[in-house]
């Protein structure tokens, strides 16, 4: 499973709010909502967030192994 928990820590470290991402950088509120729920987002969105936050992919997401069903 992909977890976006690093993203929220990176936002805080960079002192950027979700509101700023939406208003100043035109990040979709829907994309942020999907990230809160650890749902899929596009690589375009990941690229955009890395550019905005001047960070690496690892600062946005991590892979968490889950048990197979």
PDB file of N, CA and C in Angstrom:
ATOM      1  N   UNK A   1       0.846  -1.174   0.000  1.00  0.00           N
ATOM      2  CA  UNK A   1       0.000   0.000   0.000  1.00  0.00           C
ATOM      3  C   UNK A   1       0.893   1.240   0.000  1.00  0.00           C
ATOM      4  N   UNK A   2       0.481   2.223  -0.718  1.00  0.00           N
ATOM      5  CA  UNK A   2       1.181   3.506  -0.727  1.00  0.00           C
ATOM      6  C   UNK A   2       0.602   4.373   0.379  1.00  0.00           C
ATOM      7  N   UNK A   3       1.490   4.962   1.176  1.00  0.00           N
ATOM      8  CA  UNK A   3       1.079   5.869   2.241  1.00  0.00           C
ATOM      9  C   UNK A   3       1.660   7.247   1.955  1.00  0.00           C
ATOM     10  N   UNK A   4       0.842   8.248   2.130  1.00  0.00           N
ATOM     11  CA  UNK A   4       1.284   9.628   1.918  1.00  0.00           C
ATOM     12  C   UNK A   4       1.638  10.324   3.228  1.00  0.00           C
ATOM     13  N   UNK A   5       1.875   9.553   4.276  1.00  0.00           N
ATOM     14  CA  UNK A   5       2.215  10.156   5.569  1.00  0.00           C
ATOM     15  C   UNK A   5       3.450  11.061   5.498  1.00  0.00           C
ATOM     16  N   UNK A   6       4.480  10.725   4.698  1.00  0.00           N
ATOM     17  CA  UNK A   6       5.625  11.650   4.621  1.00  0.00           C
ATOM     18  C   UNK A   6       5.236  13.031   4.072  1.00  0.00           C
ATOM     19  N   UNK A   7       4.232  13.048   3.202  1.00  0.00           N
ATOM     20  CA  UNK A   7       3.787  14.312   2.605  1.00  0.00           C
ATOM     21  C   UNK A   7       3.348  15.309   3.670  1.00  0.00           C
ATOM     22  N   UNK A   8       2.574  14.830   4.633  1.00  0.00           N
ATOM     23  CA  UNK A   8       2.038  15.725   5.665  1.00  0.00           C
ATOM     24  C   UNK A   8       3.167  16.254   6.551  1.00  0.00           C
ATOM     25  N   UNK A   9       4.177  15.428   6.796  1.00  0.00           N
ATOM     26  CA  UNK A   9       5.339  15.874   7.569  1.00  0.00           C
ATOM     27  C   UNK A   9       6.152  16.889   6.767  1.00  0.00           C
ATOM     28  N   UNK A  10       6.278  16.656   5.467  1.00  0.00           N
ATOM     29  CA  UNK A  10       7.018  17.576   4.601  1.00  0.00           C
ATOM     30  C   UNK A  10       6.314  18.923   4.533  1.00  0.00           C
ATOM     31  N   UNK A  11       4.985  18.903   4.406  1.00  0.00           N
ATOM     32  CA  UNK A  11       4.234  20.166   4.397  1.00  0.00           C
ATOM     33  C   UNK A  11       4.524  20.971   5.654  1.00  0.00           C
ATOM     34  N   UNK A  12       4.463  20.307   6.786  1.00  0.00           N
ATOM     35  CA  UNK A  12       4.694  20.990   8.059  1.00  0.00           C
ATOM     36  C   UNK A  12       6.118  21.525   8.139  1.00  0.00           C
ATOM     37  N   UNK A  13       7.082  20.714   7.717  1.00  0.00           N
ATOM     38  CA  UNK A  13       8.491  21.126   7.755  1.00  0.00           C
ATOM     39  C   UNK A  13       8.757  22.320   6.846  1.00  0.00           C
ATOM     40  N   UNK A  14       8.053  22.364   5.712  1.00  0.00           N
ATOM     41  CA  UNK A  14       8.231  23.459   4.753  1.00  0.00           C
ATOM     42  C   UNK A  14       7.343  24.658   5.089  1.00  0.00           C
ATOM     43  N   UNK A  15       6.532  24.517   6.144  1.00  0.00           N
ATOM     44  CA  UNK A  15       5.630  25.580   6.589  1.00  0.00           C
ATOM     45  C   UNK A  15       4.666  26.012   5.478  1.00  0.00           C
ATOM     46  N   UNK A  16       4.105  25.017   4.791  1.00  0.00           N
ATOM     47  CA  UNK A  16       3.127  25.259   3.730  1.00  0.00           C
ATOM     48  C   UNK A  16       1.829  24.571   4.132  1.00  0.00           C
ATOM     49  N   UNK A  17       0.730  25.282   3.970  1.00  0.00           N
ATOM     50  CA  UNK A  17      -0.573  24.730   4.342  1.00  0.00           C
ATOM     51  C   UNK A  17      -1.277  24.146   3.121  1.00  0.00           C
ATOM     52  N   UNK A  18      -2.272  23.331   3.389  1.00  0.00           N
ATOM     53  CA  UNK A  18      -3.097  22.801   2.304  1.00  0.00           C
ATOM     54  C   UNK A  18      -3.787  23.946   1.578  1.00  0.00           C
ATOM     55  N   UNK A  19      -4.223  24.938   2.331  1.00  0.00           N
ATOM     56  CA  UNK A  19      -4.877  26.107   1.740  1.00  0.00           C
ATOM     57  C   UNK A  19      -3.943  26.792   0.743  1.00  0.00           C
ATOM     58  N   UNK A  20      -2.670  26.959   1.104  1.00  0.00           N
ATOM     59  CA  UNK A  20      -1.708  27.574   0.196  1.00  0.00           C
ATOM     60  C   UNK A  20      -1.518  26.735  -1.064  1.00  0.00           C
ATOM     61  N   UNK A  21      -1.471  25.411  -0.907  1.00  0.00           N
ATOM     62  CA  UNK A  21      -1.332  24.544  -2.079  1.00  0.00           C
ATOM     63  C   UNK A  21      -2.499  24.746  -3.040  1.00  0.00           C
ATOM     64  N   UNK A  22      -3.696  24.848  -2.487  1.00  0.00           N
ATOM     65  CA  UNK A  22      -4.891  25.000  -3.316  1.00  0.00           C
ATOM     66  C   UNK A  22      -4.942  26.388  -3.949  1.00  0.00           C
ATOM     67  N   UNK A  23      -4.769  27.425  -3.162  1.00  0.00           N
ATOM     68  CA  UNK A  23      -4.938  28.807  -3.651  1.00  0.00           C
ATOM     69  C   UNK A  23      -3.740  29.328  -4.442  1.00  0.00           C
ATOM     70  N   UNK A  24      -2.533  29.040  -3.987  1.00  0.00           N
ATOM     71  CA  UNK A  24      -1.347  29.614  -4.626  1.00  0.00           C
ATOM     72  C   UNK A  24      -0.747  28.743  -5.725  1.00  0.00           C
ATOM     73  N   UNK A  25      -0.966  27.416  -5.634  1.00  0.00           N
ATOM     74  CA  UNK A  25      -0.318  26.499  -6.572  1.00  0.00           C
ATOM     75  C   UNK A  25      -1.314  25.687  -7.395  1.00  0.00           C
ATOM     76  N   UNK A  26      -2.603  25.967  -7.213  1.00  0.00           N
ATOM     77  CA  UNK A  26      -3.666  25.302  -7.975  1.00  0.00           C
ATOM     78  C   UNK A  26      -3.665  23.785  -7.837  1.00  0.00           C
ATOM     79  N   UNK A  27      -3.299  23.297  -6.651  1.00  0.00           N
ATOM     80  CA  UNK A  27      -3.400  21.869  -6.368  1.00  0.00           C
ATOM     81  C   UNK A  27      -4.866  21.580  -6.080  1.00  0.00           C
ATOM     82  N   UNK A  28      -5.376  20.524  -6.645  1.00  0.00           N
ATOM     83  CA  UNK A  28      -6.776  20.161  -6.478  1.00  0.00           C
ATOM     84  C   UNK A  28      -7.062  19.718  -5.042  1.00  0.00           C
ATOM     85  N   UNK A  29      -8.133  20.247  -4.476  1.00  0.00           N
ATOM     86  CA  UNK A  29      -8.567  19.816  -3.140  1.00  0.00           C
ATOM     87  C   UNK A  29      -8.914  18.333  -3.172  1.00  0.00           C
ATOM     88  N   UNK A  30      -9.405  17.859  -4.299  1.00  0.00           N
ATOM     89  CA  UNK A  30      -9.723  16.445  -4.458  1.00  0.00           C
ATOM     90  C   UNK A  30      -8.494  15.570  -4.364  1.00  0.00           C
ATOM     91  N   UNK A  31      -7.379  16.031  -4.923  1.00  0.00           N
ATOM     92  CA  UNK A  31      -6.134  15.267  -4.845  1.00  0.00           C
ATOM     93  C   UNK A  31      -5.650  15.176  -3.398  1.00  0.00           C
ATOM     94  N   UNK A  32      -5.753  16.282  -2.671  1.00  0.00           N
ATOM     95  CA  UNK A  32      -5.359  16.266  -1.262  1.00  0.00           C
ATOM     96  C   UNK A  32      -6.263  15.341  -0.459  1.00  0.00           C
ATOM     97  N   UNK A  33      -7.527  15.328  -0.799  1.00  0.00           N
ATOM     98  CA  UNK A  33      -8.479  14.435  -0.138  1.00  0.00           C
ATOM     99  C   UNK A  33      -8.116  12.973  -0.413  1.00  0.00           C
ATOM    100  N   UNK A  34      -7.749  12.674  -1.647  1.00  0.00           N
ATOM    101  CA  UNK A  34      -7.348  11.312  -2.010  1.00  0.00           C
ATOM    102  C   UNK A  34      -6.077  10.920  -1.247  1.00  0.00           C
ATOM    103  N   UNK A  35      -5.176  11.866  -1.075  1.00  0.00           N
ATOM    104  CA  UNK A  35      -3.942  11.584  -0.347  1.00  0.00           C
ATOM    105  C   UNK A  35      -4.229  11.328   1.138  1.00  0.00           C
ATOM    106  N   UNK A  36      -5.155  12.067   1.711  1.00  0.00           N
ATOM    107  CA  UNK A  36      -5.522  11.837   3.116  1.00  0.00           C
ATOM    108  C   UNK A  36      -6.054  10.428   3.315  1.00  0.00           C
ATOM    109  N   UNK A  37      -6.732   9.897   2.290  1.00  0.00           N
ATOM    110  CA  UNK A  37      -7.313   8.557   2.355  1.00  0.00           C
ATOM    111  C   UNK A  37      -6.362   7.486   1.803  1.00  0.00           C
ATOM    112  N   UNK A  38      -5.121   7.869   1.480  1.00  0.00           N
ATOM    113  CA  UNK A  38      -4.131   6.959   0.883  1.00  0.00           C
ATOM    114  C   UNK A  38      -4.661   6.270  -0.369  1.00  0.00           C
ATOM    115  N   UNK A  39      -5.395   7.020  -1.180  1.00  0.00           N
ATOM    116  CA  UNK A  39      -5.883   6.511  -2.452  1.00  0.00           C
ATOM    117  C   UNK A  39      -4.894   6.893  -3.550  1.00  0.00           C
ATOM    118  N   UNK A  40      -5.101   6.333  -4.739  1.00  0.00           N
ATOM    119  CA  UNK A  40      -4.192   6.575  -5.858  1.00  0.00           C
ATOM    120  C   UNK A  40      -4.231   8.023  -6.330  1.00  0.00           C
ATOM    121  N   UNK A  41      -3.047   8.531  -6.665  1.00  0.00           N
ATOM    122  CA  UNK A  41      -2.926   9.814  -7.349  1.00  0.00           C
ATOM    123  C   UNK A  41      -1.959   9.604  -8.513  1.00  0.00           C
ATOM    124  N   UNK A  42      -1.958  10.516  -9.450  1.00  0.00           N
ATOM    125  CA  UNK A  42      -1.132  10.348 -10.647  1.00  0.00           C
ATOM    126  C   UNK A  42       0.323  10.735 -10.382  1.00  0.00           C
ATOM    127  N   UNK A  43       1.183  10.223 -11.232  1.00  0.00           N
ATOM    128  CA  UNK A  43       2.591  10.597 -11.136  1.00  0.00           C
ATOM    129  C   UNK A  43       2.760  12.077 -11.482  1.00  0.00           C
ATOM    130  N   UNK A  44       1.868  12.610 -12.285  1.00  0.00           N
ATOM    131  CA  UNK A  44       1.895  14.049 -12.589  1.00  0.00           C
ATOM    132  C   UNK A  44       1.713  14.850 -11.299  1.00  0.00           C
ATOM    133  N   UNK A  45       0.784  14.427 -10.462  1.00  0.00           N
ATOM    134  CA  UNK A  45       0.535  15.119  -9.196  1.00  0.00           C
ATOM    135  C   UNK A  45       1.752  14.999  -8.285  1.00  0.00           C
ATOM    136  N   UNK A  46       2.354  13.820  -8.226  1.00  0.00           N
ATOM    137  CA  UNK A  46       3.550  13.627  -7.403  1.00  0.00           C
ATOM    138  C   UNK A  46       4.675  14.530  -7.902  1.00  0.00           C
ATOM    139  N   UNK A  47       4.862  14.589  -9.214  1.00  0.00           N
ATOM    140  CA  UNK A  47       5.878  15.449  -9.817  1.00  0.00           C
ATOM    141  C   UNK A  47       5.626  16.910  -9.459  1.00  0.00           C
ATOM    142  N   UNK A  48       4.388  17.339  -9.564  1.00  0.00           N
ATOM    143  CA  UNK A  48       4.007  18.716  -9.263  1.00  0.00           C
ATOM    144  C   UNK A  48       4.294  19.045  -7.794  1.00  0.00           C
ATOM    145  N   UNK A  49       3.936  18.134  -6.891  1.00  0.00           N
ATOM    146  CA  UNK A  49       4.157  18.368  -5.463  1.00  0.00           C
ATOM    147  C   UNK A  49       5.648  18.418  -5.133  1.00  0.00           C
ATOM    148  N   UNK A  50       6.433  17.546  -5.759  1.00  0.00           N
ATOM    149  CA  UNK A  50       7.885  17.573  -5.551  1.00  0.00           C
ATOM    150  C   UNK A  50       8.470  18.908  -6.014  1.00  0.00           C
ATOM    151  N   UNK A  51       7.969  19.416  -7.110  1.00  0.00           N
ATOM    152  CA  UNK A  51       8.436  20.694  -7.624  1.00  0.00           C
ATOM    153  C   UNK A  51       8.048  21.838  -6.686  1.00  0.00           C
ATOM    154  N   UNK A  52       6.811  21.853  -6.245  1.00  0.00           N
ATOM    155  CA  UNK A  52       6.326  22.911  -5.350  1.00  0.00           C
ATOM    156  C   UNK A  52       7.095  22.895  -4.031  1.00  0.00           C
ATOM    157  N   UNK A  53       7.278  21.703  -3.471  1.00  0.00           N
ATOM    158  CA  UNK A  53       7.893  21.572  -2.156  1.00  0.00           C
ATOM    159  C   UNK A  53       9.412  21.449  -2.213  1.00  0.00           C
ATOM    160  N   UNK A  54       9.959  21.383  -3.426  1.00  0.00           N
ATOM    161  CA  UNK A  54      11.399  21.216  -3.624  1.00  0.00           C
ATOM    162  C   UNK A  54      11.906  20.042  -2.781  1.00  0.00           C
ATOM    163  N   UNK A  55      11.326  18.874  -3.070  1.00  0.00           N
ATOM    164  CA  UNK A  55      11.653  17.685  -2.282  1.00  0.00           C
ATOM    165  C   UNK A  55      11.754  16.463  -3.195  1.00  0.00           C
ATOM    166  N   UNK A  56      12.097  15.334  -2.593  1.00  0.00           N
ATOM    167  CA  UNK A  56      12.201  14.066  -3.304  1.00  0.00           C
ATOM    168  C   UNK A  56      10.884  13.308  -3.192  1.00  0.00           C
ATOM    169  N   UNK A  57      10.716  12.316  -4.052  1.00  0.00           N
ATOM    170  CA  UNK A  57       9.516  11.471  -4.016  1.00  0.00           C
ATOM    171  C   UNK A  57       9.351  10.840  -2.636  1.00  0.00           C
ATOM    172  N   UNK A  58      10.461  10.447  -2.017  1.00  0.00           N
ATOM    173  CA  UNK A  58      10.395   9.823  -0.693  1.00  0.00           C
ATOM    174  C   UNK A  58       9.831  10.757   0.367  1.00  0.00           C
ATOM    175  N   UNK A  59       9.846  12.053   0.082  1.00  0.00           N
ATOM    176  CA  UNK A  59       9.269  13.031   1.008  1.00  0.00           C
ATOM    177  C   UNK A  59       7.764  13.175   0.815  1.00  0.00           C
ATOM    178  N   UNK A  60       7.227  12.480  -0.196  1.00  0.00           N
ATOM    179  CA  UNK A  60       5.799  12.534  -0.504  1.00  0.00           C
ATOM    180  C   UNK A  60       5.109  11.226  -0.149  1.00  0.00           C
ATOM    181  N   UNK A  61       5.750  10.105  -0.458  1.00  0.00           N
ATOM    182  CA  UNK A  61       5.083   8.811  -0.248  1.00  0.00           C
ATOM    183  C   UNK A  61       6.066   7.728   0.149  1.00  0.00           C
ATOM    184  N   UNK A  62       5.507   6.667   0.741  1.00  0.00           N
ATOM    185  CA  UNK A  62       6.283   5.478   1.065  1.00  0.00           C
ATOM    186  C   UNK A  62       5.429   4.261   0.751  1.00  0.00           C
ATOM    187  N   UNK A  63       6.108   3.145   0.536  1.00  0.00           N
ATOM    188  CA  UNK A  63       5.406   1.877   0.340  1.00  0.00           C
ATOM    189  C   UNK A  63       5.376   1.156   1.676  1.00  0.00           C
ATOM    190  N   UNK A  64       4.179   0.721   2.071  1.00  0.00           N
ATOM    191  CA  UNK A  64       4.002  -0.037   3.317  1.00  0.00           C
ATOM    192  C   UNK A  64       3.468  -1.406   2.926  1.00  0.00           C
ATOM    193  N   UNK A  65       4.251  -2.437   3.247  1.00  0.00           N
ATOM    194  CA  UNK A  65       3.832  -3.787   2.905  1.00  0.00           C
ATOM    195  C   UNK A  65       2.626  -4.193   3.754  1.00  0.00           C
ATOM    196  N   UNK A  66       1.623  -4.757   3.079  1.00  0.00           N
ATOM    197  CA  UNK A  66       0.437  -5.246   3.782  1.00  0.00           C
ATOM    198  C   UNK A  66       0.301  -6.732   3.524  1.00  0.00           C
ATOM    199  N   UNK A  67      -0.399  -7.408   4.390  1.00  0.00           N
ATOM    200  CA  UNK A  67      -0.607  -8.835   4.216  1.00  0.00           C
ATOM    201  C   UNK A  67      -1.536  -9.097   3.038  1.00  0.00           C
ATOM    202  N   UNK A  68      -1.221 -10.129   2.273  1.00  0.00           N
ATOM    203  CA  UNK A  68      -2.057 -10.506   1.126  1.00  0.00           C
ATOM    204  C   UNK A  68      -3.360 -11.099   1.634  1.00  0.00           C
ATOM    205  N   UNK A  69      -4.408 -10.877   0.848  1.00  0.00           N
ATOM    206  CA  UNK A  69      -5.718 -11.436   1.222  1.00  0.00           C
ATOM    207  C   UNK A  69      -5.865 -12.856   0.758  1.00  0.00           C
TER     208      UNK A  69
END
